[in-house]
Amino acid sequence: MLEDFKKFALKGDVVDLAVGVIIGGAFGKIVTSLVNDVIMPILGIFTGKINLTTLKWIISEGKGGTAELSIKYGQFLQTMIDFFLVAFSIFIAIKALSSFRKKEEEMISEIKPSNEELLLAEIRDVLKEKNN
């Protein structure tokens, strides 16, 4: 069982997935910082200097030692903006990567065989004819 787990854990796909998850987590932090530190302050200027994260609907005021009960829809809106920016950024990255791969495949398909390869192909064809 330990040997099977070792084979599974060291497969290329699992390692690639782990690297992708780690990079994705770091990328998510970068986009979250972009949203919190750059986009939201600019959006605040256009919305009358409202900080979205402070928007909430108070259901019950806090009394005595109890905390207030509220729905923080502003935080939810900011998280949605964060999600859409992460999704859009990943979409752009994948689109760029796929176009790069297409160009790479086109370059590979455009490679013509050398004179030596053509000559070897002719020799192979002549030997096939002689054997038949």
C-alpha atoms as a PDB file:
ATOM      1  CA  MET A   1       0.000   0.000   0.000  1.00  0.00           C
ATOM      2  CA  LEU A   2       2.854   2.381   0.811  1.00  0.00           C
ATOM      3  CA  GLU A   3       4.457   1.618  -2.560  1.00  0.00           C
ATOM      4  CA  ASP A   4       1.177   2.378  -4.374  1.00  0.00           C
ATOM      5  CA  PHE A   5       0.855   5.676  -2.523  1.00  0.00           C
ATOM      6  CA  LYS A   6       4.441   6.571  -3.419  1.00  0.00           C
ATOM      7  CA  LYS A   7       3.748   5.884  -7.117  1.00  0.00           C
ATOM      8  CA  PHE A   8       0.589   7.996  -6.948  1.00  0.00           C
ATOM      9  CA  ALA A   9       2.191  10.905  -5.107  1.00  0.00           C
ATOM     10  CA  LEU A  10       5.191  11.080  -7.400  1.00  0.00           C
ATOM     11  CA  LYS A  11       3.249  10.972 -10.670  1.00  0.00           C
ATOM     12  CA  GLY A  12       3.838  14.000 -12.848  1.00  0.00           C
ATOM     13  CA  ASP A  13       0.149  14.949 -12.844  1.00  0.00           C
ATOM     14  CA  VAL A  14      -0.067  15.085  -9.054  1.00  0.00           C
ATOM     15  CA  VAL A  15       3.097  17.172  -8.777  1.00  0.00           C
ATOM     16  CA  ASP A  16       1.837  19.526 -11.516  1.00  0.00           C
ATOM     17  CA  LEU A  17      -1.480  19.858  -9.702  1.00  0.00           C
ATOM     18  CA  ALA A  18       0.276  20.660  -6.414  1.00  0.00           C
ATOM     19  CA  VAL A  19       2.403  23.328  -8.098  1.00  0.00           C
ATOM     20  CA  GLY A  20      -0.723  24.756  -9.735  1.00  0.00           C
ATOM     21  CA  VAL A  21      -2.561  24.954  -6.414  1.00  0.00           C
ATOM     22  CA  ILE A  22       0.369  26.692  -4.725  1.00  0.00           C
ATOM     23  CA  ILE A  23       0.794  29.196  -7.558  1.00  0.00           C
ATOM     24  CA  GLY A  24      -2.975  29.698  -7.696  1.00  0.00           C
ATOM     25  CA  GLY A  25      -3.053  30.516  -3.989  1.00  0.00           C
ATOM     26  CA  ALA A  26      -0.294  33.059  -4.385  1.00  0.00           C
ATOM     27  CA  PHE A  27      -1.986  34.484  -7.478  1.00  0.00           C
ATOM     28  CA  GLY A  28      -5.232  34.802  -5.520  1.00  0.00           C
ATOM     29  CA  LYS A  29      -3.441  36.821  -2.851  1.00  0.00           C
ATOM     30  CA  ILE A  30      -2.037  39.154  -5.505  1.00  0.00           C
ATOM     31  CA  VAL A  31      -5.467  39.731  -7.029  1.00  0.00           C
ATOM     32  CA  THR A  32      -7.022  40.215  -3.575  1.00  0.00           C
ATOM     33  CA  SER A  33      -4.434  42.872  -2.843  1.00  0.00           C
ATOM     34  CA  LEU A  34      -5.169  44.483  -6.223  1.00  0.00           C
ATOM     35  CA  VAL A  35      -8.873  44.600  -5.371  1.00  0.00           C
ATOM     36  CA  ASN A  36      -8.452  45.801  -1.771  1.00  0.00           C
ATOM     37  CA  ASP A  37      -5.606  48.249  -2.266  1.00  0.00           C
ATOM     38  CA  VAL A  38      -6.103  49.610  -5.800  1.00  0.00           C
ATOM     39  CA  ILE A  39      -9.534  48.973  -7.311  1.00  0.00           C
ATOM     40  CA  MET A  40     -11.744  49.481  -4.248  1.00  0.00           C
ATOM     41  CA  PRO A  41     -10.271  52.905  -3.341  1.00  0.00           C
ATOM     42  CA  ILE A  42     -10.761  54.044  -6.953  1.00  0.00           C
ATOM     43  CA  LEU A  43     -14.310  52.651  -6.912  1.00  0.00           C
ATOM     44  CA  GLY A  44     -14.828  54.504  -3.626  1.00  0.00           C
ATOM     45  CA  ILE A  45     -14.025  57.800  -5.353  1.00  0.00           C
ATOM     46  CA  PHE A  46     -16.757  57.161  -7.937  1.00  0.00           C
ATOM     47  CA  THR A  47     -19.315  56.042  -5.336  1.00  0.00           C
ATOM     48  CA  GLY A  48     -18.877  59.063  -3.086  1.00  0.00           C
ATOM     49  CA  LYS A  49     -16.022  57.724  -0.978  1.00  0.00           C
ATOM     50  CA  ILE A  50     -18.021  54.759   0.296  1.00  0.00           C
ATOM     51  CA  ASN A  51     -15.980  51.824   1.525  1.00  0.00           C
ATOM     52  CA  LEU A  52     -17.883  48.734   0.347  1.00  0.00           C
ATOM     53  CA  THR A  53     -16.612  46.566   3.174  1.00  0.00           C
ATOM     54  CA  THR A  54     -18.376  48.733   5.763  1.00  0.00           C
ATOM     55  CA  LEU A  55     -21.811  48.406   4.142  1.00  0.00           C
ATOM     56  CA  LYS A  56     -24.103  46.247   6.231  1.00  0.00           C
ATOM     57  CA  TRP A  57     -27.713  45.713   7.110  1.00  0.00           C
ATOM     58  CA  ILE A  58     -28.162  45.714  10.864  1.00  0.00           C
ATOM     59  CA  ILE A  59     -30.732  43.163  11.981  1.00  0.00           C
ATOM     60  CA  SER A  60     -30.326  43.664  15.701  1.00  0.00           C
ATOM     61  CA  GLU A  61     -28.351  46.316  17.586  1.00  0.00           C
ATOM     62  CA  GLY A  62     -25.826  45.110  20.116  1.00  0.00           C
ATOM     63  CA  LYS A  63     -27.119  45.561  23.659  1.00  0.00           C
ATOM     64  CA  GLY A  64     -25.181  45.119  26.862  1.00  0.00           C
ATOM     65  CA  GLY A  65     -22.385  42.643  26.216  1.00  0.00           C
ATOM     66  CA  THR A  66     -23.793  41.190  23.004  1.00  0.00           C
ATOM     67  CA  ALA A  67     -22.514  42.056  19.569  1.00  0.00           C
ATOM     68  CA  GLU A  68     -24.767  43.436  16.866  1.00  0.00           C
ATOM     69  CA  LEU A  69     -26.341  41.066  14.390  1.00  0.00           C
ATOM     70  CA  SER A  70     -25.838  42.234  10.804  1.00  0.00           C
ATOM     71  CA  ILE A  71     -25.560  41.088   7.222  1.00  0.00           C
ATOM     72  CA  LYS A  72     -22.326  42.421   5.744  1.00  0.00           C
ATOM     73  CA  TYR A  73     -23.349  42.702   2.117  1.00  0.00           C
ATOM     74  CA  GLY A  74     -20.543  45.155   1.366  1.00  0.00           C
ATOM     75  CA  GLN A  75     -17.922  42.540   2.231  1.00  0.00           C
ATOM     76  CA  PHE A  76     -19.833  40.073   0.040  1.00  0.00           C
ATOM     77  CA  LEU A  77     -19.791  42.530  -2.890  1.00  0.00           C
ATOM     78  CA  GLN A  78     -16.056  43.034  -2.494  1.00  0.00           C
ATOM     79  CA  THR A  79     -15.493  39.271  -2.406  1.00  0.00           C
ATOM     80  CA  MET A  80     -17.555  38.905  -5.597  1.00  0.00           C
ATOM     81  CA  ILE A  81     -15.473  41.575  -7.328  1.00  0.00           C
ATOM     82  CA  ASP A  82     -12.358  39.771  -6.129  1.00  0.00           C
ATOM     83  CA  PHE A  83     -13.661  36.464  -7.529  1.00  0.00           C
ATOM     84  CA  PHE A  84     -14.528  37.934 -10.926  1.00  0.00           C
ATOM     85  CA  LEU A  85     -11.112  39.558 -11.221  1.00  0.00           C
ATOM     86  CA  VAL A  86      -9.365  36.278 -10.334  1.00  0.00           C
ATOM     87  CA  ALA A  87     -11.525  34.383 -12.847  1.00  0.00           C
ATOM     88  CA  PHE A  88     -10.906  36.994 -15.562  1.00  0.00           C
ATOM     89  CA  SER A  89      -7.156  37.010 -14.870  1.00  0.00           C
ATOM     90  CA  ILE A  90      -6.992  33.220 -15.097  1.00  0.00           C
ATOM     91  CA  PHE A  91      -9.029  33.334 -18.321  1.00  0.00           C
ATOM     92  CA  ILE A  92      -6.576  35.825 -19.850  1.00  0.00           C
ATOM     93  CA  ALA A  93      -3.571  33.771 -18.685  1.00  0.00           C
ATOM     94  CA  ILE A  94      -4.989  30.542 -20.147  1.00  0.00           C
ATOM     95  CA  LYS A  95      -5.902  32.286 -23.400  1.00  0.00           C
ATOM     96  CA  ALA A  96      -2.355  33.673 -23.695  1.00  0.00           C
ATOM     97  CA  LEU A  97      -0.880  30.260 -22.902  1.00  0.00           C
ATOM     98  CA  SER A  98      -3.037  28.509 -25.498  1.00  0.00           C
ATOM     99  CA  SER A  99      -2.112  31.051 -28.183  1.00  0.00           C
ATOM    100  CA  PHE A 100       1.555  30.547 -27.291  1.00  0.00           C
ATOM    101  CA  ARG A 101       1.112  26.769 -27.639  1.00  0.00           C
ATOM    102  CA  LYS A 102      -0.604  27.208 -31.025  1.00  0.00           C
ATOM    103  CA  LYS A 103       2.323  29.286 -32.265  1.00  0.00           C
ATOM    104  CA  GLU A 104       4.724  26.661 -30.947  1.00  0.00           C
ATOM    105  CA  GLU A 105       2.807  23.868 -32.709  1.00  0.00           C
ATOM    106  CA  GLU A 106       2.783  25.869 -35.957  1.00  0.00           C
ATOM    107  CA  MET A 107       6.544  26.295 -35.727  1.00  0.00           C
ATOM    108  CA  ILE A 108       6.994  22.564 -35.213  1.00  0.00           C
ATOM    109  CA  SER A 109       4.735  21.715 -38.158  1.00  0.00           C
ATOM    110  CA  GLU A 110       6.597  24.158 -40.418  1.00  0.00           C
ATOM    111  CA  ILE A 111       9.926  22.379 -39.909  1.00  0.00           C
ATOM    112  CA  LYS A 112      10.830  20.678 -43.179  1.00  0.00           C
ATOM    113  CA  PRO A 113      12.900  17.513 -43.314  1.00  0.00           C
ATOM    114  CA  SER A 114      16.595  17.970 -44.038  1.00  0.00           C
ATOM    115  CA  ASN A 115      18.286  16.675 -47.194  1.00  0.00           C
ATOM    116  CA  GLU A 116      19.682  13.739 -45.220  1.00  0.00           C
ATOM    117  CA  GLU A 117      16.222  12.763 -44.027  1.00  0.00           C
ATOM    118  CA  LEU A 118      14.837  13.003 -47.573  1.00  0.00           C
ATOM    119  CA  LEU A 119      17.697  10.858 -48.887  1.00  0.00           C
ATOM    120  CA  LEU A 120      17.164   8.267 -46.147  1.00  0.00           C
ATOM    121  CA  ALA A 121      13.444   8.178 -46.966  1.00  0.00           C
ATOM    122  CA  GLU A 122      14.258   7.522 -50.618  1.00  0.00           C
ATOM    123  CA  ILE A 123      16.648   4.710 -49.678  1.00  0.00           C
ATOM    124  CA  ARG A 124      13.977   3.195 -47.435  1.00  0.00           C
ATOM    125  CA  ASP A 125      11.425   3.322 -50.240  1.00  0.00           C
ATOM    126  CA  VAL A 126      13.863   1.683 -52.704  1.00  0.00           C
ATOM    127  CA  LEU A 127      14.618  -1.118 -50.207  1.00  0.00           C
ATOM    128  CA  LYS A 128      10.903  -1.698 -49.673  1.00  0.00           C
ATOM    129  CA  GLU A 129      10.367  -2.010 -53.419  1.00  0.00           C
ATOM    130  CA  LYS A 130      13.223  -4.510 -53.750  1.00  0.00           C
ATOM    131  CA  ASN A 131      11.846  -6.655 -50.905  1.00  0.00           C
ATOM    132  CA  ASN A 132       8.384  -6.757 -52.456  1.00  0.00           C
END
